[in-house]
């Protein structure tokens, strides 16, 4: 198991409920061990098992929810 932490910029959140919506969806993605999304910072930090999902999967899921996402270095 290769667990790493990844941070993503998330644009389009309007309230705290948006962040909770993203966290709830990400928690269902295989390999996600934890996720913290904040509207104030416009970021989502995800602890991810790379053998089950990858950062591109996280971005795709966030964008399917109607937000814009990109990986931060």
C-alpha atoms as a PDB file:
ATOM      1  CA  UNK A   1       0.000   0.000   0.000  1.00  0.00           C
ATOM      2  CA  UNK A   2       1.401   3.367  -1.059  1.00  0.00           C
ATOM      3  CA  UNK A   3      -0.467   6.128   0.768  1.00  0.00           C
ATOM      4  CA  UNK A   4       0.431   9.695  -0.089  1.00  0.00           C
ATOM      5  CA  UNK A   5      -1.077  13.111   0.591  1.00  0.00           C
ATOM      6  CA  UNK A   6      -2.205  15.264  -2.323  1.00  0.00           C
ATOM      7  CA  UNK A   7      -3.551  18.806  -2.340  1.00  0.00           C
ATOM      8  CA  UNK A   8      -5.938  20.141  -4.956  1.00  0.00           C
ATOM      9  CA  UNK A   9      -7.179  23.635  -5.744  1.00  0.00           C
ATOM     10  CA  UNK A  10     -10.967  23.601  -5.886  1.00  0.00           C
ATOM     11  CA  UNK A  11     -12.867  26.475  -7.486  1.00  0.00           C
ATOM     12  CA  UNK A  12     -16.599  27.112  -7.514  1.00  0.00           C
ATOM     13  CA  UNK A  13     -17.466  26.379  -3.883  1.00  0.00           C
ATOM     14  CA  UNK A  14     -20.008  28.844  -2.490  1.00  0.00           C
ATOM     15  CA  UNK A  15     -20.383  27.676   1.114  1.00  0.00           C
ATOM     16  CA  UNK A  16     -19.262  25.173   3.714  1.00  0.00           C
ATOM     17  CA  UNK A  17     -21.847  22.702   2.460  1.00  0.00           C
ATOM     18  CA  UNK A  18     -20.013  22.583  -0.875  1.00  0.00           C
ATOM     19  CA  UNK A  19     -16.863  21.462   0.936  1.00  0.00           C
ATOM     20  CA  UNK A  20     -18.807  18.807   2.859  1.00  0.00           C
ATOM     21  CA  UNK A  21     -20.377  17.596  -0.405  1.00  0.00           C
ATOM     22  CA  UNK A  22     -16.911  17.140  -1.925  1.00  0.00           C
ATOM     23  CA  UNK A  23     -15.583  15.361   1.180  1.00  0.00           C
ATOM     24  CA  UNK A  24     -18.577  12.998   1.262  1.00  0.00           C
ATOM     25  CA  UNK A  25     -18.080  12.060  -2.393  1.00  0.00           C
ATOM     26  CA  UNK A  26     -14.309  11.625  -2.061  1.00  0.00           C
ATOM     27  CA  UNK A  27     -14.712   9.342   0.956  1.00  0.00           C
ATOM     28  CA  UNK A  28     -16.508   6.886  -1.347  1.00  0.00           C
ATOM     29  CA  UNK A  29     -13.624   6.821  -3.840  1.00  0.00           C
ATOM     30  CA  UNK A  30     -11.571   3.622  -3.456  1.00  0.00           C
ATOM     31  CA  UNK A  31      -8.243   4.279  -1.768  1.00  0.00           C
ATOM     32  CA  UNK A  32      -9.197   7.539  -0.049  1.00  0.00           C
ATOM     33  CA  UNK A  33      -8.220   7.301   3.621  1.00  0.00           C
ATOM     34  CA  UNK A  34      -9.100  10.873   4.586  1.00  0.00           C
ATOM     35  CA  UNK A  35     -10.089  14.136   2.977  1.00  0.00           C
ATOM     36  CA  UNK A  36     -10.353  17.721   4.179  1.00  0.00           C
ATOM     37  CA  UNK A  37     -11.878  20.354   1.932  1.00  0.00           C
ATOM     38  CA  UNK A  38     -12.207  24.010   2.900  1.00  0.00           C
ATOM     39  CA  UNK A  39     -14.065  26.732   1.047  1.00  0.00           C
ATOM     40  CA  UNK A  40     -11.998  29.454   2.708  1.00  0.00           C
ATOM     41  CA  UNK A  41      -8.723  28.085   1.335  1.00  0.00           C
ATOM     42  CA  UNK A  42     -10.289  26.684  -1.837  1.00  0.00           C
ATOM     43  CA  UNK A  43      -8.415  23.446  -1.327  1.00  0.00           C
ATOM     44  CA  UNK A  44      -8.921  19.778  -0.764  1.00  0.00           C
ATOM     45  CA  UNK A  45      -6.270  17.634   0.902  1.00  0.00           C
ATOM     46  CA  UNK A  46      -6.617  13.911   0.247  1.00  0.00           C
ATOM     47  CA  UNK A  47      -4.740  10.983   1.757  1.00  0.00           C
ATOM     48  CA  UNK A  48      -4.767   8.465  -1.075  1.00  0.00           C
ATOM     49  CA  UNK A  49      -3.715   4.853  -1.587  1.00  0.00           C
ATOM     50  CA  UNK A  50      -2.181   5.011  -5.058  1.00  0.00           C
ATOM     51  CA  UNK A  51      -2.731   1.298  -5.636  1.00  0.00           C
ATOM     52  CA  UNK A  52      -6.504   1.946  -5.727  1.00  0.00           C
ATOM     53  CA  UNK A  53      -6.934   5.485  -7.111  1.00  0.00           C
ATOM     54  CA  UNK A  54      -4.752   8.301  -8.363  1.00  0.00           C
ATOM     55  CA  UNK A  55      -4.852  12.116  -8.295  1.00  0.00           C
ATOM     56  CA  UNK A  56      -6.533  12.219 -11.716  1.00  0.00           C
ATOM     57  CA  UNK A  57      -9.423  10.169 -10.263  1.00  0.00           C
ATOM     58  CA  UNK A  58      -9.823  12.761  -7.498  1.00  0.00           C
ATOM     59  CA  UNK A  59      -9.887  15.631 -10.000  1.00  0.00           C
ATOM     60  CA  UNK A  60     -12.410  13.811 -12.196  1.00  0.00           C
ATOM     61  CA  UNK A  61     -14.730  13.193  -9.252  1.00  0.00           C
ATOM     62  CA  UNK A  62     -14.569  16.798  -8.034  1.00  0.00           C
ATOM     63  CA  UNK A  63     -15.298  18.035 -11.557  1.00  0.00           C
ATOM     64  CA  UNK A  64     -18.220  15.608 -11.912  1.00  0.00           C
ATOM     65  CA  UNK A  65     -19.700  17.345  -8.863  1.00  0.00           C
ATOM     66  CA  UNK A  66     -19.629  20.651 -10.762  1.00  0.00           C
ATOM     67  CA  UNK A  67     -16.447  22.252  -9.403  1.00  0.00           C
ATOM     68  CA  UNK A  68     -13.115  22.985 -11.067  1.00  0.00           C
ATOM     69  CA  UNK A  69     -10.101  21.157  -9.662  1.00  0.00           C
ATOM     70  CA  UNK A  70      -6.370  20.997 -10.284  1.00  0.00           C
ATOM     71  CA  UNK A  71      -3.440  19.393  -8.492  1.00  0.00           C
ATOM     72  CA  UNK A  72      -1.170  21.659  -6.482  1.00  0.00           C
ATOM     73  CA  UNK A  73       2.566  20.944  -6.244  1.00  0.00           C
END
